Protein backbone atom coordinates (compact mmCIF):
# COMPACT_ATOMS: atom_id res chain seq x y z
CA MET A 1 18.11 60.37 -179.74
CA ALA A 2 17.85 62.90 -182.57
CA ALA A 3 19.66 60.55 -184.96
CA ALA A 4 17.41 57.63 -184.01
CA ALA A 5 14.32 59.82 -184.41
CA ARG A 6 15.42 60.85 -187.90
CA VAL A 7 16.22 57.28 -188.95
CA PHE A 8 13.00 55.81 -187.52
CA SER A 9 10.97 58.66 -189.03
CA GLU A 10 12.49 58.16 -192.48
CA LYS A 11 12.73 54.36 -192.62
CA GLY A 12 10.15 53.25 -190.08
CA PHE A 13 11.04 51.18 -187.06
CA GLY A 14 10.85 47.90 -188.97
CA GLY A 15 12.94 49.20 -191.87
CA ALA A 16 15.60 50.83 -189.73
CA SER A 17 18.53 49.02 -188.23
CA LEU A 18 20.79 49.90 -185.36
CA GLU A 19 23.52 50.12 -187.96
CA ASP A 20 21.52 52.87 -189.70
CA VAL A 21 21.31 54.75 -186.41
CA ALA A 22 25.02 54.24 -185.71
CA ASN A 23 25.89 55.52 -189.19
CA GLU A 24 23.71 58.59 -188.63
CA VAL A 25 25.57 59.30 -185.39
CA GLY A 26 28.97 58.46 -186.89
CA MET A 27 29.85 55.52 -184.66
CA LEU A 28 30.13 51.78 -184.91
CA LYS A 29 26.97 49.76 -184.34
CA GLY A 30 28.53 47.93 -181.39
CA SER A 31 29.19 51.23 -179.65
CA LEU A 32 25.44 51.89 -179.46
CA TYR A 33 25.12 49.03 -176.99
CA ASN A 34 27.01 51.14 -174.48
CA TYR A 35 23.92 53.36 -174.42
CA ILE A 36 20.98 51.05 -175.18
CA LYS A 37 19.98 47.42 -174.73
CA SER A 38 17.94 46.99 -177.92
CA LYS A 39 16.38 48.73 -180.88
CA GLU A 40 13.03 48.63 -179.06
CA ASP A 41 14.55 50.38 -176.02
CA LEU A 42 15.89 53.05 -178.35
CA LEU A 43 12.43 53.47 -179.89
CA PHE A 44 10.86 54.00 -176.48
CA ALA A 45 13.63 56.40 -175.45
CA VAL A 46 12.94 58.46 -178.57
CA VAL A 47 9.21 58.84 -177.92
CA ARG A 48 8.94 58.72 -174.11
CA PRO A 49 9.74 62.34 -173.12
CA ASP A 50 7.26 63.94 -175.51
CA ALA A 51 4.54 61.37 -174.85
CA ASP A 52 4.96 61.93 -171.12
CA GLU A 53 4.86 65.72 -171.55
CA LEU A 54 1.69 65.59 -173.63
CA LEU A 55 -0.09 63.28 -171.21
CA MET A 56 1.00 65.24 -168.14
CA LYS A 57 -0.20 68.55 -169.59
CA ALA A 58 -3.48 67.01 -170.78
CA ARG A 59 -4.06 65.63 -167.27
CA ARG A 60 -3.40 69.03 -165.78
CA LEU A 61 -5.79 70.76 -168.20
CA SER A 62 -8.44 68.11 -167.63
CA GLY A 63 -8.39 68.85 -163.91
CA THR A 64 -9.03 72.57 -164.33
CA ASP A 65 -12.37 74.34 -164.19
CA LEU A 66 -11.88 75.79 -167.68
CA PRO A 67 -14.83 75.44 -170.05
CA ALA A 68 -14.63 72.29 -172.18
CA SER A 69 -13.97 74.28 -175.34
CA GLU A 70 -10.98 76.00 -173.72
CA LYS A 71 -9.62 72.68 -172.43
CA LEU A 72 -9.72 71.29 -175.95
CA ARG A 73 -8.12 74.43 -177.39
CA GLN A 74 -5.32 74.24 -174.81
CA ILE A 75 -4.77 70.52 -175.46
CA ALA A 76 -4.53 71.25 -179.19
CA ARG A 77 -1.95 73.95 -178.46
CA VAL A 78 0.15 71.60 -176.34
CA HIS A 79 -0.06 68.83 -178.95
CA VAL A 80 0.94 71.18 -181.80
CA GLU A 81 3.67 72.89 -179.77
CA ILE A 82 5.26 69.49 -179.19
CA ILE A 83 4.98 68.69 -182.90
CA ASP A 84 6.59 72.04 -183.70
CA ARG A 85 9.52 71.37 -181.34
CA LYS A 86 9.98 67.65 -181.94
CA LEU A 87 8.42 66.68 -185.28
CA PRO A 88 10.66 63.65 -186.02
CA TYR A 89 10.06 62.26 -182.51
CA VAL A 90 6.29 62.72 -182.74
CA SER A 91 6.28 61.22 -186.24
CA VAL A 92 7.93 58.11 -184.85
CA TYR A 93 5.33 57.92 -182.08
CA VAL A 94 2.43 58.28 -184.53
CA GLN A 95 3.91 55.78 -187.01
CA GLU A 96 5.25 53.19 -184.62
CA ILE A 97 3.47 53.37 -181.25
CA ALA A 98 0.05 55.04 -181.35
CA GLY A 99 -2.77 52.54 -181.48
CA ARG A 100 -0.49 49.59 -182.17
CA GLY A 101 -0.69 47.80 -178.84
CA ILE A 102 3.10 47.67 -178.54
CA SER A 103 2.82 47.09 -174.81
CA GLN A 104 0.21 47.48 -172.10
CA GLU A 105 1.93 50.63 -170.83
CA TRP A 106 1.76 52.40 -174.20
CA THR A 107 -1.80 51.20 -174.78
CA ASP A 108 -2.79 52.58 -171.38
CA MET A 109 -1.15 55.93 -172.17
CA ASP A 110 -2.99 56.17 -175.50
CA ARG A 111 -6.27 55.28 -173.84
CA GLU A 112 -5.77 57.80 -171.06
CA TYR A 113 -5.06 60.60 -173.54
CA MET A 114 -8.17 59.69 -175.52
CA SER A 115 -10.16 59.49 -172.32
CA LEU A 116 -9.10 62.98 -171.23
CA ILE A 117 -10.16 64.46 -174.56
CA GLU A 118 -13.38 62.44 -174.60
CA LYS A 119 -14.11 63.74 -171.10
CA ALA A 120 -13.70 67.34 -172.29
CA PHE A 121 -16.11 66.75 -175.18
CA MET A 122 -18.57 65.12 -172.76
CA GLU A 123 -18.30 68.06 -170.37
CA GLY A 124 -19.15 70.34 -173.29
CA VAL A 125 -22.19 68.25 -174.15
CA GLU A 126 -23.34 68.22 -170.52
CA ALA A 127 -22.88 72.00 -170.25
CA GLY A 128 -24.94 72.55 -173.40
CA ILE A 129 -21.98 74.01 -175.29
CA PHE A 130 -21.75 71.07 -177.67
CA ALA A 131 -24.60 69.33 -179.45
CA ASP A 132 -26.39 66.80 -177.28
CA ASP A 133 -26.18 64.24 -180.08
CA LEU A 134 -22.40 64.66 -180.52
CA ASP A 135 -20.72 61.27 -180.64
CA VAL A 136 -17.87 62.09 -178.28
CA ARG A 137 -15.91 58.97 -179.20
CA VAL A 138 -15.93 59.90 -182.87
CA ALA A 139 -15.18 63.56 -182.10
CA THR A 140 -12.24 62.50 -179.90
CA ARG A 141 -10.74 60.23 -182.51
CA CYS A 142 -11.17 62.84 -185.26
CA PHE A 143 -9.62 65.52 -183.06
CA ILE A 144 -6.58 63.41 -182.18
CA GLY A 145 -6.32 62.12 -185.73
CA SER A 146 -6.21 65.61 -187.18
CA LEU A 147 -3.53 66.62 -184.70
CA ASN A 148 -1.45 63.52 -185.42
CA TRP A 149 -1.88 63.92 -189.20
CA MET A 150 0.10 67.16 -188.88
CA THR A 151 3.19 64.96 -188.71
CA ARG A 152 2.64 64.42 -192.44
CA TRP A 153 2.39 68.04 -193.57
CA TYR A 154 3.46 70.50 -190.89
CA GLU A 155 6.71 72.45 -191.34
CA PRO A 156 8.15 73.03 -187.83
CA GLY A 157 10.20 75.88 -186.54
CA ASP A 158 7.75 78.71 -185.94
CA PRO A 159 6.06 78.63 -182.51
CA VAL A 160 3.77 81.55 -183.42
CA ARG A 161 2.55 79.68 -186.49
CA ALA A 162 2.19 76.49 -184.44
CA ARG A 163 -0.16 78.26 -182.02
CA ALA A 164 -2.16 79.73 -184.92
CA VAL A 165 -2.49 76.29 -186.53
CA ALA A 166 -3.58 74.76 -183.20
CA ASP A 167 -6.17 77.50 -182.71
CA GLN A 168 -7.51 77.10 -186.24
CA LEU A 169 -7.76 73.36 -185.84
CA ALA A 170 -9.54 73.80 -182.50
CA ASP A 171 -11.89 76.37 -184.06
CA VAL A 172 -12.87 73.94 -186.81
CA PHE A 173 -13.60 71.17 -184.32
CA LEU A 174 -15.29 73.31 -181.74
CA ALA A 175 -17.53 75.01 -184.30
CA GLY A 176 -18.54 71.61 -185.65
CA ALA A 177 -19.39 70.37 -182.17
CA LEU A 178 -21.46 73.39 -181.10
CA ALA A 179 -25.03 72.99 -180.00
CA ARG A 180 -27.41 74.49 -182.55
CA SER A 181 -31.04 75.39 -182.29
CA ARG A 182 -33.28 73.02 -184.17
CA ASN A 183 -35.98 74.61 -186.26
């Protein structure tokens, strides 16, 4: 999986071949078929565990009675922690799966994740924490987009730094969403 993640991350799914993956592993291309049925199956195997983890943890956080701002902070931490641990895998997801309508299952997963974050923003609006005119759809997409953009610039390998980056990102978003008195 690690070899496929590196190859897909570097070359893109369309530009990568199973031969590239086999070469990265140090085996013959035909030997890969002992483990996978197709390049697409390999792609899904690369991204599935981390996508499932992120969605499961976001569901769990969504169901808590934490304030909306804390839910969003915790979701940012989970998202960034996964990026820190599995950057090539997440890069492949962002480049090749997210928002591309690859299949109904992946589209549904993307929509559910967005919905959970949108729900947290809405809860914040309803509680008076966030501005009543906050466009929660835009806020959600910007929030997820900023997290996913980290696959372009983040240097993994330091969980303490990952948490600090997640908290800073959350602070920027949460401060921008806060309700303010109007004079």
